[in-house]
Amino acid sequence: MKKIVVLIGLLVVGSVFAQNETKSQYEKEGDLIKVTHYHNNGNIKEQGFYKNKKLHGKWVIFDASGDKKVMAFYNQGKKVGKWFIWDKSELKEINYENNTIASIQSWKESTKIAVK
């Protein structure tokens, strides 16, 4: 099950990366480099940070229409914390510990969530 979810996540990310980008922007923020890549239509494709040439902090990937597809977290290039992958009718939450998958939770559009 975990392998299937990871494969789906990689396919989503891969399809986003496969689209041509027209522009990238790099900004220095303290000891981090903020990177923003854009789709051909000008919308943000992905945005996140590098520290010491490694992915670091929050990374967000958007589709060409501007909808969020992936929210991921890194610490010096290693996957950490809760990652979220949005698909057409499903949200997947993947929890990483020590750069490996610790747990996976998914919610379908029909799932009801109680909020206090």
N, C-alpha and C. Protein backbone atom coordinates (compact mmCIF):
# COMPACT_ATOMS: atom_id res chain seq x y z
N MET A 1 0.83 -1.20 0.00
CA MET A 1 0.00 0.00 0.00
C MET A 1 0.87 1.26 0.00
N LYS A 2 1.91 1.23 0.86
CA LYS A 2 2.79 2.39 0.93
C LYS A 2 3.48 2.64 -0.41
N LYS A 3 3.88 1.57 -1.07
CA LYS A 3 4.56 1.71 -2.36
C LYS A 3 3.63 2.32 -3.40
N ILE A 4 2.37 1.95 -3.36
CA ILE A 4 1.40 2.50 -4.31
C ILE A 4 1.22 3.99 -4.08
N VAL A 5 1.09 4.39 -2.81
CA VAL A 5 0.91 5.81 -2.50
C VAL A 5 2.13 6.61 -2.91
N VAL A 6 3.31 6.08 -2.63
CA VAL A 6 4.55 6.77 -3.02
C VAL A 6 4.62 6.88 -4.53
N LEU A 7 4.26 5.82 -5.24
CA LEU A 7 4.27 5.84 -6.69
C LEU A 7 3.31 6.89 -7.23
N ILE A 8 2.12 6.95 -6.66
CA ILE A 8 1.14 7.98 -7.08
C ILE A 8 1.71 9.37 -6.83
N GLY A 9 2.30 9.56 -5.65
CA GLY A 9 2.90 10.86 -5.34
C GLY A 9 3.98 11.23 -6.32
N LEU A 10 4.83 10.28 -6.65
CA LEU A 10 5.91 10.56 -7.60
C LEU A 10 5.36 10.87 -8.98
N LEU A 11 4.29 10.17 -9.38
CA LEU A 11 3.67 10.45 -10.67
C LEU A 11 3.08 11.85 -10.71
N VAL A 12 2.43 12.26 -9.61
CA VAL A 12 1.87 13.62 -9.55
C VAL A 12 3.00 14.63 -9.65
N VAL A 13 4.03 14.43 -8.85
CA VAL A 13 5.16 15.36 -8.87
C VAL A 13 5.84 15.33 -10.23
N GLY A 14 6.03 14.13 -10.79
CA GLY A 14 6.68 14.01 -12.09
C GLY A 14 5.90 14.69 -13.19
N SER A 15 4.57 14.57 -13.15
CA SER A 15 3.77 15.22 -14.19
C SER A 15 3.84 16.72 -14.07
N VAL A 16 3.94 17.21 -12.84
CA VAL A 16 4.08 18.66 -12.66
C VAL A 16 5.43 19.12 -13.19
N PHE A 17 6.48 18.36 -12.89
CA PHE A 17 7.81 18.72 -13.35
C PHE A 17 7.96 18.59 -14.86
N ALA A 18 7.20 17.71 -15.47
CA ALA A 18 7.34 17.44 -16.90
C ALA A 18 6.88 18.61 -17.76
N GLN A 19 6.06 19.48 -17.22
CA GLN A 19 5.59 20.62 -17.99
C GLN A 19 6.71 21.65 -18.10
N ASN A 20 6.78 22.32 -19.23
CA ASN A 20 7.83 23.32 -19.43
C ASN A 20 7.61 24.52 -18.54
N GLU A 21 8.70 25.06 -18.06
CA GLU A 21 8.61 26.28 -17.28
C GLU A 21 9.27 27.40 -18.06
N THR A 22 8.78 28.61 -17.88
CA THR A 22 9.33 29.72 -18.62
C THR A 22 10.26 30.57 -17.78
N LYS A 23 10.13 30.50 -16.46
CA LYS A 23 10.90 31.40 -15.63
C LYS A 23 11.13 30.78 -14.26
N SER A 24 12.27 31.09 -13.70
CA SER A 24 12.60 30.71 -12.33
C SER A 24 13.12 31.94 -11.63
N GLN A 25 12.83 32.04 -10.34
CA GLN A 25 13.26 33.19 -9.56
C GLN A 25 13.98 32.68 -8.32
N TYR A 26 15.10 33.30 -7.97
CA TYR A 26 15.90 32.92 -6.81
C TYR A 26 16.11 34.14 -5.94
N GLU A 27 15.80 34.01 -4.64
CA GLU A 27 15.96 35.12 -3.71
C GLU A 27 16.68 34.61 -2.47
N LYS A 28 17.63 35.39 -1.98
CA LYS A 28 18.33 35.03 -0.75
C LYS A 28 17.54 35.55 0.44
N GLU A 29 17.24 34.66 1.39
CA GLU A 29 16.55 35.03 2.63
C GLU A 29 17.35 34.45 3.79
N GLY A 30 18.24 35.26 4.36
CA GLY A 30 19.12 34.79 5.42
C GLY A 30 20.07 33.74 4.86
N ASP A 31 20.09 32.56 5.48
CA ASP A 31 20.97 31.49 4.99
C ASP A 31 20.24 30.54 4.03
N LEU A 32 19.04 30.94 3.60
CA LEU A 32 18.25 30.14 2.68
C LEU A 32 18.16 30.80 1.30
N ILE A 33 17.94 29.99 0.29
CA ILE A 33 17.66 30.48 -1.06
C ILE A 33 16.22 30.09 -1.37
N LYS A 34 15.36 31.08 -1.60
CA LYS A 34 13.96 30.82 -1.95
C LYS A 34 13.89 30.67 -3.47
N VAL A 35 13.30 29.57 -3.91
CA VAL A 35 13.21 29.25 -5.33
C VAL A 35 11.74 29.23 -5.73
N THR A 36 11.44 29.91 -6.83
CA THR A 36 10.09 29.89 -7.38
C THR A 36 10.20 29.58 -8.86
N HIS A 37 9.55 28.50 -9.29
CA HIS A 37 9.48 28.13 -10.71
C HIS A 37 8.06 28.43 -11.18
N TYR A 38 7.94 28.85 -12.44
CA TYR A 38 6.64 29.24 -12.99
C TYR A 38 6.25 28.36 -14.17
N HIS A 39 4.94 28.16 -14.32
CA HIS A 39 4.38 27.51 -15.51
C HIS A 39 4.45 28.50 -16.67
N ASN A 40 4.25 28.01 -17.89
CA ASN A 40 4.23 28.87 -19.07
C ASN A 40 3.18 29.97 -18.98
N ASN A 41 2.07 29.71 -18.27
CA ASN A 41 1.00 30.71 -18.16
C ASN A 41 1.27 31.76 -17.09
N GLY A 42 2.41 31.67 -16.40
CA GLY A 42 2.77 32.66 -15.40
C GLY A 42 2.42 32.27 -13.97
N ASN A 43 1.60 31.25 -13.80
CA ASN A 43 1.26 30.78 -12.44
C ASN A 43 2.46 30.08 -11.82
N ILE A 44 2.51 30.11 -10.50
CA ILE A 44 3.61 29.44 -9.79
C ILE A 44 3.48 27.93 -9.97
N LYS A 45 4.58 27.31 -10.31
CA LYS A 45 4.66 25.86 -10.51
C LYS A 45 5.10 25.18 -9.21
N GLU A 46 6.15 25.70 -8.59
CA GLU A 46 6.60 25.20 -7.30
C GLU A 46 7.40 26.29 -6.59
N GLN A 47 7.41 26.17 -5.27
CA GLN A 47 8.10 27.17 -4.48
C GLN A 47 8.63 26.52 -3.21
N GLY A 48 9.87 26.83 -2.88
CA GLY A 48 10.46 26.27 -1.67
C GLY A 48 11.84 26.84 -1.42
N PHE A 49 12.57 26.19 -0.53
CA PHE A 49 13.86 26.72 -0.10
C PHE A 49 14.97 25.68 -0.22
N TYR A 50 16.18 26.19 -0.41
CA TYR A 50 17.40 25.40 -0.35
C TYR A 50 18.26 25.94 0.78
N LYS A 51 18.96 25.04 1.44
CA LYS A 51 19.96 25.43 2.44
C LYS A 51 21.17 24.54 2.20
N ASN A 52 22.29 25.13 1.98
CA ASN A 52 23.52 24.38 1.67
C ASN A 52 23.32 23.44 0.49
N LYS A 53 22.63 23.93 -0.54
CA LYS A 53 22.37 23.21 -1.79
C LYS A 53 21.47 21.99 -1.61
N LYS A 54 20.72 21.92 -0.51
CA LYS A 54 19.79 20.82 -0.27
C LYS A 54 18.40 21.39 -0.01
N LEU A 55 17.37 20.62 -0.43
CA LEU A 55 16.00 21.04 -0.15
C LEU A 55 15.83 21.20 1.35
N HIS A 56 15.15 22.30 1.74
CA HIS A 56 15.02 22.57 3.17
C HIS A 56 13.73 23.36 3.43
N GLY A 57 12.99 22.93 4.42
CA GLY A 57 11.76 23.63 4.78
C GLY A 57 10.59 23.20 3.91
N LYS A 58 9.63 24.10 3.80
CA LYS A 58 8.38 23.80 3.09
C LYS A 58 8.54 23.98 1.59
N TRP A 59 8.04 22.99 0.82
CA TRP A 59 7.97 23.06 -0.63
C TRP A 59 6.52 22.84 -1.04
N VAL A 60 6.03 23.65 -1.96
CA VAL A 60 4.66 23.53 -2.43
C VAL A 60 4.68 23.44 -3.95
N ILE A 61 3.90 22.51 -4.50
CA ILE A 61 3.80 22.33 -5.95
C ILE A 61 2.36 22.59 -6.37
N PHE A 62 2.20 23.36 -7.44
CA PHE A 62 0.89 23.74 -7.96
C PHE A 62 0.73 23.24 -9.39
N ASP A 63 -0.51 22.97 -9.80
CA ASP A 63 -0.74 22.65 -11.20
C ASP A 63 -0.84 23.96 -11.99
N ALA A 64 -0.99 23.86 -13.29
CA ALA A 64 -0.98 25.05 -14.15
C ALA A 64 -2.13 26.01 -13.86
N SER A 65 -3.22 25.50 -13.29
CA SER A 65 -4.35 26.39 -12.98
C SER A 65 -4.22 27.04 -11.60
N GLY A 66 -3.16 26.69 -10.87
CA GLY A 66 -2.91 27.33 -9.57
C GLY A 66 -3.39 26.53 -8.38
N ASP A 67 -3.92 25.33 -8.62
CA ASP A 67 -4.38 24.48 -7.51
C ASP A 67 -3.19 23.78 -6.87
N LYS A 68 -3.18 23.75 -5.53
CA LYS A 68 -2.11 23.10 -4.79
C LYS A 68 -2.21 21.59 -5.00
N LYS A 69 -1.08 20.96 -5.33
CA LYS A 69 -1.03 19.52 -5.56
C LYS A 69 -0.21 18.79 -4.50
N VAL A 70 0.89 19.39 -4.05
CA VAL A 70 1.77 18.75 -3.07
C VAL A 70 2.30 19.80 -2.11
N MET A 71 2.30 19.46 -0.82
CA MET A 71 2.98 20.28 0.19
C MET A 71 3.91 19.33 0.93
N ALA A 72 5.20 19.60 0.86
CA ALA A 72 6.21 18.70 1.41
C ALA A 72 7.16 19.47 2.32
N PHE A 73 7.83 18.74 3.20
CA PHE A 73 8.77 19.35 4.12
C PHE A 73 10.09 18.57 4.10
N TYR A 74 11.18 19.33 4.10
CA TYR A 74 12.52 18.76 4.08
C TYR A 74 13.37 19.37 5.20
N ASN A 75 14.35 18.60 5.65
CA ASN A 75 15.35 19.11 6.57
C ASN A 75 16.70 18.68 6.03
N GLN A 76 17.42 19.62 5.46
CA GLN A 76 18.73 19.35 4.85
C GLN A 76 18.66 18.20 3.85
N GLY A 77 17.64 18.24 2.98
CA GLY A 77 17.50 17.26 1.91
C GLY A 77 16.78 15.99 2.29
N LYS A 78 16.44 15.81 3.57
CA LYS A 78 15.74 14.62 4.01
C LYS A 78 14.25 14.93 4.21
N LYS A 79 13.40 13.96 3.82
CA LYS A 79 11.95 14.12 3.96
C LYS A 79 11.59 14.04 5.44
N VAL A 80 10.80 15.02 5.91
CA VAL A 80 10.39 15.04 7.32
C VAL A 80 8.93 15.46 7.43
N GLY A 81 8.33 15.12 8.55
CA GLY A 81 7.00 15.61 8.89
C GLY A 81 5.90 15.10 8.00
N LYS A 82 4.82 15.85 7.98
CA LYS A 82 3.62 15.47 7.23
C LYS A 82 3.67 16.08 5.83
N TRP A 83 3.51 15.24 4.84
CA TRP A 83 3.39 15.66 3.45
C TRP A 83 1.93 15.49 3.05
N PHE A 84 1.46 16.38 2.20
CA PHE A 84 0.09 16.31 1.72
C PHE A 84 0.08 16.28 0.20
N ILE A 85 -0.70 15.35 -0.36
CA ILE A 85 -0.83 15.23 -1.81
C ILE A 85 -2.32 15.30 -2.14
N TRP A 86 -2.69 16.30 -2.93
CA TRP A 86 -4.08 16.48 -3.35
C TRP A 86 -4.26 15.86 -4.72
N ASP A 87 -5.26 15.00 -4.83
CA ASP A 87 -5.64 14.41 -6.09
C ASP A 87 -7.08 14.85 -6.35
N LYS A 88 -7.64 14.49 -7.46
CA LYS A 88 -8.97 14.96 -7.84
C LYS A 88 -9.98 14.87 -6.71
N SER A 89 -10.12 13.70 -6.10
CA SER A 89 -11.14 13.54 -5.06
C SER A 89 -10.56 12.99 -3.77
N GLU A 90 -9.24 13.10 -3.60
CA GLU A 90 -8.62 12.50 -2.43
C GLU A 90 -7.45 13.35 -1.92
N LEU A 91 -7.31 13.36 -0.62
CA LEU A 91 -6.17 13.99 0.03
C LEU A 91 -5.39 12.89 0.74
N LYS A 92 -4.09 12.83 0.49
CA LYS A 92 -3.24 11.85 1.16
C LYS A 92 -2.30 12.60 2.09
N GLU A 93 -2.17 12.07 3.30
CA GLU A 93 -1.23 12.60 4.28
C GLU A 93 -0.19 11.52 4.53
N ILE A 94 1.05 11.82 4.25
CA ILE A 94 2.14 10.87 4.44
C ILE A 94 3.06 11.44 5.51
N ASN A 95 3.25 10.67 6.56
CA ASN A 95 4.09 11.12 7.66
C ASN A 95 5.47 10.49 7.53
N TYR A 96 6.50 11.32 7.47
CA TYR A 96 7.88 10.84 7.34
C TYR A 96 8.61 10.97 8.68
N GLU A 97 9.33 9.91 9.03
CA GLU A 97 10.24 9.91 10.18
C GLU A 97 11.54 9.29 9.72
N ASN A 98 12.64 9.95 10.00
CA ASN A 98 13.96 9.47 9.59
C ASN A 98 14.03 9.22 8.08
N ASN A 99 13.42 10.10 7.31
CA ASN A 99 13.46 10.07 5.85
C ASN A 99 12.74 8.85 5.26
N THR A 100 11.89 8.18 6.05
CA THR A 100 11.11 7.05 5.55
C THR A 100 9.64 7.23 5.96
N ILE A 101 8.77 6.57 5.23
CA ILE A 101 7.34 6.68 5.51
C ILE A 101 7.02 5.96 6.82
N ALA A 102 6.39 6.71 7.75
CA ALA A 102 5.98 6.14 9.03
C ALA A 102 4.50 5.78 9.01
N SER A 103 3.69 6.59 8.31
CA SER A 103 2.26 6.30 8.22
C SER A 103 1.65 7.03 7.03
N ILE A 104 0.50 6.51 6.60
CA ILE A 104 -0.23 7.11 5.48
C ILE A 104 -1.70 7.18 5.87
N GLN A 105 -2.30 8.31 5.62
CA GLN A 105 -3.74 8.49 5.85
C GLN A 105 -4.31 9.10 4.59
N SER A 106 -5.50 8.67 4.20
CA SER A 106 -6.11 9.30 3.03
C SER A 106 -7.57 9.59 3.32
N TRP A 107 -8.04 10.66 2.71
CA TRP A 107 -9.42 11.09 2.84
C TRP A 107 -10.00 11.25 1.45
N LYS A 108 -11.14 10.66 1.24
CA LYS A 108 -11.86 10.83 -0.02
C LYS A 108 -12.80 12.00 0.13
N GLU A 109 -13.25 12.52 -1.00
CA GLU A 109 -14.15 13.67 -0.99
C GLU A 109 -15.39 13.41 -0.14
N SER A 110 -15.84 12.17 -0.07
CA SER A 110 -17.06 11.84 0.66
C SER A 110 -16.82 11.67 2.17
N THR A 111 -15.53 11.67 2.61
CA THR A 111 -15.24 11.51 4.02
C THR A 111 -15.66 12.74 4.79
N LYS A 112 -16.37 12.55 5.89
CA LYS A 112 -16.79 13.67 6.72
C LYS A 112 -15.79 13.82 7.86
N ILE A 113 -15.38 15.07 8.08
CA ILE A 113 -14.42 15.38 9.13
C ILE A 113 -15.11 16.26 10.15
N ALA A 114 -15.11 15.87 11.41
CA ALA A 114 -15.73 16.67 12.46
C ALA A 114 -14.78 17.76 12.90
N VAL A 115 -15.30 18.96 13.06
CA VAL A 115 -14.51 20.11 13.48
C VAL A 115 -15.20 20.74 14.68
N LYS A 116 -14.44 21.00 15.72
CA LYS A 116 -15.02 21.65 16.90
C LYS A 116 -15.03 23.15 16.73
